[in-house]
Amino acid sequence: MSQPKPCEKKGKSAELRVQKILNKIESLKLSNAYISQLQLPKTEGRMKKVLNRNPKLYSFITVLVLCVGMIVQWFMKDLSTKNCVFELPSASKTLFRPPEDCSMCIGVEGAVRLANTSAQEFEQYYAYNAAPVIVTDAMNHWKAVQEFSFDFFANFYRDGKMGKRINDCFYFAYKSGLNSLQEVFSMDAARANLSGEPWYVGWSTCYSEETRKLRSYYNRPYFLPKTAESDMVDWIFMGGPGQGAHMHVDSVKHMSWQAQVRGRKRWELAPPPECLYACRWLTFTLQPGEILVVDTNRWYHKTTVLPGDISITIGAEYD
């Protein structure tokens, strides 16, 4: 059996190092804006001094460059294959995403608030634009407004298979330390009632039966275009004051709507890094009974539950 070539050894070593860096970025939740500010040696002379003092580093970089060139050539030949060569950590998806056209956010000063709009008007002016829109009267007849609570979801998920983590659903612990819905709904009463350690979690529905049962408490928003379709996956976000989602950008298929069923939540939208000097950073509060429509694939966003009631948000995508 032939021994690995030096290039192969260095390539594997480099791949492991890159993987460690990407994992570290993901664990620290570093934003693109922060990463872009990291300083590298500024001058060619300084770099030469570094390399001269580290002959092993110089040899490593030389071999690495040759290996990368070979890998790129091989990758370009296999670019048309259907399967991925390897799976990158989720943080890398934002690091290597294509740049946005800043016309998406130029001139956007804040979220537009609407009421009594029509599906036709919404489709024509708002449904597929990047500017965030808040519809204030879309939950007037939802049973969820009266029924949804921590106890409701605890009873809904405590028994049966629904909510169990499978390949078709997602669970986000954020900073709660709660690693599953089972742990969420096994909390002690003090924490569940928001008088203990703070928490905030999010999850998607896993089964069509689960989605249908939950949708009996809320309707498809009346203002969505009549031709828009949604799949059988909804999202639920729940937690107490001071908690929320860190600044991030999504990688979902379509536009999203999020209904603030209970509590108040502050949203912060940041333009893509390449548009920071052309567009404004937006901040607004979503009140109970309001639905936000926003393209979370393009806007970086952060949420914070404001003092008061528990925050319960229902969300979904539409095409």
Protein backbone atom coordinates (compact mmCIF):
# COMPACT_ATOMS: atom_id res chain seq x y z
CA MET A 1 0.00 0.00 0.00
CA SER A 2 1.51 3.34 -1.06
CA GLN A 3 2.27 6.02 1.50
CA PRO A 4 0.33 9.34 1.30
CA LYS A 5 2.15 12.01 -0.63
CA PRO A 6 3.36 15.13 1.28
CA CYS A 7 0.74 17.16 -0.54
CA GLU A 8 -2.03 14.82 0.63
CA LYS A 9 -0.78 14.95 4.24
CA LYS A 10 -0.56 18.74 4.19
CA GLY A 11 -3.93 18.99 2.47
CA LYS A 12 -5.65 16.87 5.14
CA SER A 13 -3.90 18.83 7.89
CA ALA A 14 -4.97 22.12 6.31
CA GLU A 15 -8.53 20.85 5.92
CA LEU A 16 -8.65 19.96 9.62
CA ARG A 17 -7.34 23.39 10.57
CA VAL A 18 -9.90 25.15 8.38
CA GLN A 19 -12.63 22.93 9.85
CA LYS A 20 -11.52 23.89 13.38
CA ILE A 21 -11.59 27.58 12.46
CA LEU A 22 -15.12 27.29 10.98
CA ASN A 23 -16.31 25.34 14.03
CA LYS A 24 -14.87 28.01 16.31
CA ILE A 25 -16.61 30.77 14.32
CA GLU A 26 -19.88 28.85 14.60
CA SER A 27 -19.52 28.19 18.35
CA LEU A 28 -18.70 31.85 19.08
CA LYS A 29 -21.56 33.06 16.82
CA LEU A 30 -19.24 35.57 15.14
CA SER A 31 -20.95 37.81 12.61
CA ASN A 32 -19.65 38.64 9.15
CA ALA A 33 -19.24 42.25 10.24
CA TYR A 34 -16.94 41.20 13.09
CA ILE A 35 -14.92 38.77 10.99
CA SER A 36 -14.41 41.37 8.28
CA GLN A 37 -12.70 43.64 10.85
CA LEU A 38 -10.03 41.10 11.81
CA GLN A 39 -6.56 42.41 10.99
CA LEU A 40 -3.99 40.49 8.97
CA PRO A 41 -0.34 41.60 8.52
CA LYS A 42 -0.64 44.88 6.61
CA THR A 43 2.53 44.95 4.55
CA GLU A 44 4.36 42.54 2.35
CA GLY A 45 7.57 43.33 4.27
CA ARG A 46 6.01 42.29 7.55
CA MET A 47 4.80 39.04 6.02
CA LYS A 48 8.28 38.32 4.69
CA LYS A 49 9.73 38.83 8.17
CA VAL A 50 7.20 36.42 9.62
CA LEU A 51 8.03 33.80 7.00
CA ASN A 52 11.78 34.30 7.35
CA ARG A 53 11.53 33.68 11.08
CA ASN A 54 9.43 30.56 10.46
CA PRO A 55 10.98 28.46 7.67
CA LYS A 56 8.60 25.58 8.50
CA LEU A 57 5.63 27.92 8.05
CA TYR A 58 7.05 29.05 4.70
CA SER A 59 7.38 25.42 3.56
CA PHE A 60 3.89 24.64 4.78
CA ILE A 61 2.35 27.60 2.90
CA THR A 62 4.20 26.67 -0.28
CA VAL A 63 2.98 23.07 -0.16
CA LEU A 64 -0.51 24.22 0.83
CA VAL A 65 -0.75 26.56 -2.16
CA LEU A 66 0.24 23.73 -4.50
CA CYS A 67 -2.28 21.39 -2.90
CA VAL A 68 -5.07 23.97 -3.03
CA GLY A 69 -4.37 24.46 -6.73
CA MET A 70 -4.67 20.73 -7.34
CA ILE A 71 -7.86 20.52 -5.26
CA VAL A 72 -9.43 23.45 -7.15
CA GLN A 73 -8.66 21.79 -10.49
CA TRP A 74 -10.16 18.51 -9.30
CA PHE A 75 -13.19 20.29 -7.81
CA MET A 76 -13.91 22.21 -11.02
CA LYS A 77 -13.91 18.94 -12.97
CA ASP A 78 -16.47 17.42 -10.59
CA LEU A 79 -18.60 20.56 -10.20
CA SER A 80 -21.40 19.08 -12.27
CA THR A 81 -21.93 16.09 -9.95
CA LYS A 82 -25.12 16.04 -7.91
CA ASN A 83 -23.70 15.13 -4.51
CA CYS A 84 -21.81 17.60 -2.32
CA VAL A 85 -18.08 16.99 -1.91
CA PHE A 86 -18.34 17.74 1.82
CA GLU A 87 -20.74 19.46 4.19
CA LEU A 88 -19.66 22.85 5.53
CA PRO A 89 -20.67 24.13 8.99
CA SER A 90 -23.67 26.45 8.97
CA ALA A 91 -21.48 29.50 9.75
CA SER A 92 -19.62 29.02 6.48
CA LYS A 93 -22.85 29.42 4.53
CA THR A 94 -22.95 33.10 5.51
CA LEU A 95 -19.21 33.55 5.05
CA PHE A 96 -19.26 32.31 1.46
CA ARG A 97 -22.70 33.47 0.35
CA PRO A 98 -22.88 35.57 -2.86
CA PRO A 99 -22.97 39.37 -2.37
CA GLU A 100 -26.37 41.07 -2.26
CA ASP A 101 -27.60 43.83 -4.55
CA CYS A 102 -27.84 46.77 -2.14
CA SER A 103 -30.93 48.08 -3.91
CA MET A 104 -32.76 45.66 -1.57
CA CYS A 105 -32.28 48.05 1.34
CA ILE A 106 -31.32 51.47 -0.05
CA GLY A 107 -33.95 53.96 1.06
CA VAL A 108 -35.61 51.57 3.54
CA GLU A 109 -36.13 53.63 6.70
CA GLY A 110 -38.14 51.17 8.76
CA ALA A 111 -40.98 48.65 8.77
CA VAL A 112 -44.19 49.66 6.99
CA ARG A 113 -47.35 49.10 9.07
CA LEU A 114 -50.54 48.07 7.25
CA ALA A 115 -54.12 47.20 8.12
CA ASN A 116 -57.16 46.24 6.08
CA THR A 117 -55.02 45.54 3.01
CA SER A 118 -56.02 43.13 0.25
CA ALA A 119 -54.16 40.10 -1.06
CA GLN A 120 -53.90 41.81 -4.44
CA GLU A 121 -52.48 45.03 -2.99
CA PHE A 122 -50.08 43.12 -0.76
CA GLU A 123 -48.83 41.01 -3.64
CA GLN A 124 -48.31 44.03 -5.88
CA TYR A 125 -46.45 46.25 -3.41
CA TYR A 126 -45.12 44.26 -0.48
CA ALA A 127 -45.14 40.45 -0.75
CA TYR A 128 -41.83 39.96 -2.54
CA ASN A 129 -39.93 43.14 -1.69
CA ALA A 130 -37.10 43.22 0.81
CA ALA A 131 -38.58 46.02 2.93
CA PRO A 132 -40.10 44.65 6.18
CA VAL A 133 -43.88 44.95 6.55
CA ILE A 134 -46.04 44.67 9.68
CA VAL A 135 -49.74 43.84 9.29
CA THR A 136 -51.62 44.82 12.44
CA ASP A 137 -55.04 43.19 11.99
CA ALA A 138 -54.36 39.65 10.78
CA MET A 139 -54.99 37.77 14.03
CA ASN A 140 -58.41 39.14 14.94
CA HIS A 141 -60.09 35.72 14.81
CA TRP A 142 -57.24 33.42 15.84
CA LYS A 143 -57.96 31.04 18.74
CA ALA A 144 -54.20 31.00 19.35
CA VAL A 145 -54.37 34.50 20.85
CA GLN A 146 -56.46 33.19 23.77
CA GLU A 147 -55.21 29.61 23.92
CA PHE A 148 -51.43 29.56 23.34
CA SER A 149 -49.33 29.45 26.49
CA PHE A 150 -46.46 27.45 27.97
CA ASP A 151 -48.96 24.99 29.45
CA PHE A 152 -50.75 24.62 26.10
CA PHE A 153 -47.56 23.53 24.34
CA ALA A 154 -46.47 21.40 27.30
CA ASN A 155 -49.72 19.43 27.08
CA PHE A 156 -49.55 19.35 23.27
CA TYR A 157 -46.03 17.88 23.13
CA ARG A 158 -45.74 15.96 26.37
CA ASP A 159 -47.23 12.76 24.98
CA GLY A 160 -46.77 11.02 21.65
CA LYS A 161 -44.14 11.33 18.95
CA MET A 162 -44.78 14.96 17.96
CA GLY A 163 -41.88 17.25 18.69
CA LYS A 164 -39.33 14.44 18.79
CA ARG A 165 -36.24 15.48 16.88
CA ILE A 166 -35.98 13.84 13.45
CA ASN A 167 -34.36 14.73 10.14
CA ASP A 168 -37.34 16.79 8.99
CA CYS A 169 -37.53 19.16 11.95
CA PHE A 170 -35.27 21.57 13.82
CA TYR A 171 -34.77 22.68 17.41
CA PHE A 172 -32.84 25.74 18.59
CA ALA A 173 -31.78 25.93 22.24
CA TYR A 174 -30.16 29.38 21.89
CA LYS A 175 -28.61 30.13 25.32
CA SER A 176 -31.20 28.25 27.36
CA GLY A 177 -29.20 25.07 27.97
CA LEU A 178 -32.38 23.15 27.15
CA ASN A 179 -31.40 20.59 24.53
CA SER A 180 -34.82 19.30 23.47
CA LEU A 181 -38.54 19.98 23.75
CA GLN A 182 -38.67 17.22 26.32
CA GLU A 183 -36.29 19.26 28.52
CA VAL A 184 -38.26 22.45 27.85
CA PHE A 185 -41.52 20.96 29.05
CA SER A 186 -39.86 19.26 32.02
CA MET A 187 -38.68 22.55 33.52
CA ASP A 188 -39.54 23.31 37.12
CA ALA A 189 -42.56 25.57 37.64
CA ALA A 190 -40.50 28.63 38.65
CA ARG A 191 -38.44 28.62 35.47
CA ALA A 192 -41.44 27.82 33.29
CA ASN A 193 -43.27 30.81 34.79
CA LEU A 194 -40.28 33.08 33.98
CA SER A 195 -39.34 33.59 37.64
CA GLY A 196 -36.29 31.34 37.46
CA GLU A 197 -33.37 31.09 35.04
CA PRO A 198 -34.27 32.88 31.77
CA TRP A 199 -34.82 30.87 28.58
CA TYR A 200 -35.81 31.14 24.94
CA VAL A 201 -36.16 28.32 22.40
CA GLY A 202 -37.45 27.68 18.89
CA TRP A 203 -38.53 24.64 16.91
CA SER A 204 -40.19 23.57 13.69
CA THR A 205 -43.06 21.17 13.30
CA CYS A 206 -42.02 17.67 12.27
CA TYR A 207 -45.18 15.96 11.11
CA SER A 208 -48.11 17.00 8.93
CA GLU A 209 -50.48 15.81 11.67
CA GLU A 210 -48.73 18.12 14.15
CA THR A 211 -48.93 21.09 11.77
CA ARG A 212 -52.62 20.52 11.00
CA LYS A 213 -53.53 20.36 14.69
CA LEU A 214 -51.66 23.57 15.47
CA ARG A 215 -53.13 25.33 12.43
CA SER A 216 -56.60 24.74 13.81
CA TYR A 217 -55.70 27.56 16.23
CA TYR A 218 -54.52 30.03 13.59
CA ASN A 219 -55.37 30.77 9.99
CA ARG A 220 -53.35 31.47 6.90
CA PRO A 221 -52.78 35.26 7.03
CA TYR A 222 -55.54 36.85 4.98
CA PHE A 223 -53.20 39.23 3.14
CA LEU A 224 -50.93 36.59 1.56
CA PRO A 225 -51.16 36.36 -2.24
CA LYS A 226 -53.82 33.88 -3.31
CA THR A 227 -51.29 32.03 -5.46
CA ALA A 228 -48.71 31.75 -2.65
CA GLU A 229 -48.18 28.25 -1.29
CA SER A 230 -46.76 27.04 2.01
CA ASP A 231 -45.39 23.63 2.93
CA MET A 232 -46.39 21.67 6.02
CA VAL A 233 -43.69 23.11 8.28
CA ASP A 234 -44.34 25.90 10.77
CA TRP A 235 -42.05 27.47 13.37
CA ILE A 236 -42.67 28.28 17.03
CA PHE A 237 -40.45 30.59 19.10
CA MET A 238 -41.09 30.99 22.83
CA GLY A 239 -39.33 32.52 25.80
CA GLY A 240 -39.08 35.23 28.41
CA PRO A 241 -37.93 38.86 28.64
CA GLY A 242 -34.33 39.68 27.83
CA GLN A 243 -33.90 36.56 25.71
CA GLY A 244 -34.02 36.03 21.95
CA ALA A 245 -32.11 35.03 18.86
CA HIS A 246 -28.56 36.27 18.21
CA MET A 247 -27.75 38.25 15.06
CA HIS A 248 -27.83 35.85 12.11
CA VAL A 249 -29.11 35.35 8.58
CA ASP A 250 -31.31 32.44 7.55
CA SER A 251 -30.89 29.92 4.79
CA VAL A 252 -34.51 29.02 4.10
CA LYS A 253 -36.27 28.69 0.76
CA HIS A 254 -38.73 31.59 0.72
CA MET A 255 -40.06 34.78 2.31
CA SER A 256 -41.23 34.43 5.90
CA TRP A 257 -44.01 35.73 8.10
CA GLN A 258 -43.90 35.71 11.89
CA ALA A 259 -46.99 36.26 14.02
CA GLN A 260 -46.48 37.74 17.49
CA VAL A 261 -49.23 35.86 19.33
CA ARG A 262 -48.18 36.90 22.85
CA GLY A 263 -45.62 39.26 24.34
CA ARG A 264 -43.56 41.98 22.68
CA LYS A 265 -40.39 41.45 20.72
CA ARG A 266 -37.82 43.95 19.49
CA TRP A 267 -36.38 43.23 16.06
CA GLU A 268 -33.06 44.52 14.78
CA LEU A 269 -32.39 44.17 11.05
CA ALA A 270 -28.88 44.74 9.72
CA PRO A 271 -28.16 45.00 6.00
CA PRO A 272 -25.66 42.55 4.47
CA PRO A 273 -22.02 43.51 5.22
CA GLU A 274 -21.46 44.75 1.66
CA CYS A 275 -24.37 47.20 2.11
CA LEU A 276 -23.50 48.61 5.56
CA TYR A 277 -22.46 51.98 4.12
CA ALA A 278 -25.47 52.23 1.79
CA CYS A 279 -28.33 51.06 4.00
CA ARG A 280 -29.69 51.69 7.48
CA TRP A 281 -29.82 49.37 10.47
CA LEU A 282 -33.53 49.02 11.37
CA THR A 283 -35.07 48.59 14.82
CA PHE A 284 -38.77 48.17 15.62
CA THR A 285 -41.08 46.43 18.09
CA LEU A 286 -43.60 43.77 17.17
CA GLN A 287 -46.69 44.03 19.37
CA PRO A 288 -49.12 41.22 20.26
CA GLY A 289 -51.49 40.59 17.36
CA GLU A 290 -49.07 41.84 14.67
CA ILE A 291 -47.50 39.83 11.85
CA LEU A 292 -44.08 40.68 10.41
CA VAL A 293 -43.22 39.81 6.81
CA VAL A 294 -39.48 39.93 6.10
CA ASP A 295 -36.89 38.22 3.92
CA THR A 296 -34.69 36.66 6.59
CA ASN A 297 -32.42 35.23 3.90
CA ARG A 298 -31.20 38.73 3.06
CA TRP A 299 -31.56 40.77 6.25
CA TYR A 300 -29.37 39.83 9.20
CA HIS A 301 -31.67 39.87 12.20
CA LYS A 302 -31.70 39.71 15.97
CA THR A 303 -34.68 39.49 18.32
CA THR A 304 -35.12 40.39 22.00
CA VAL A 305 -38.19 39.69 24.11
CA LEU A 306 -39.25 42.85 25.93
CA PRO A 307 -40.39 43.03 29.59
CA GLY A 308 -43.85 41.70 30.31
CA ASP A 309 -45.62 38.59 29.06
CA ILE A 310 -44.02 35.45 27.68
CA SER A 311 -43.30 35.78 23.95
CA ILE A 312 -44.92 33.23 21.65
CA THR A 313 -44.37 33.59 17.90
CA ILE A 314 -45.68 31.44 15.06
CA GLY A 315 -43.90 31.61 11.70
CA ALA A 316 -43.97 30.08 8.25
CA GLU A 317 -42.68 30.60 4.71
CA TYR A 318 -44.56 31.37 1.51
CA ASP A 319 -43.39 31.30 -2.09
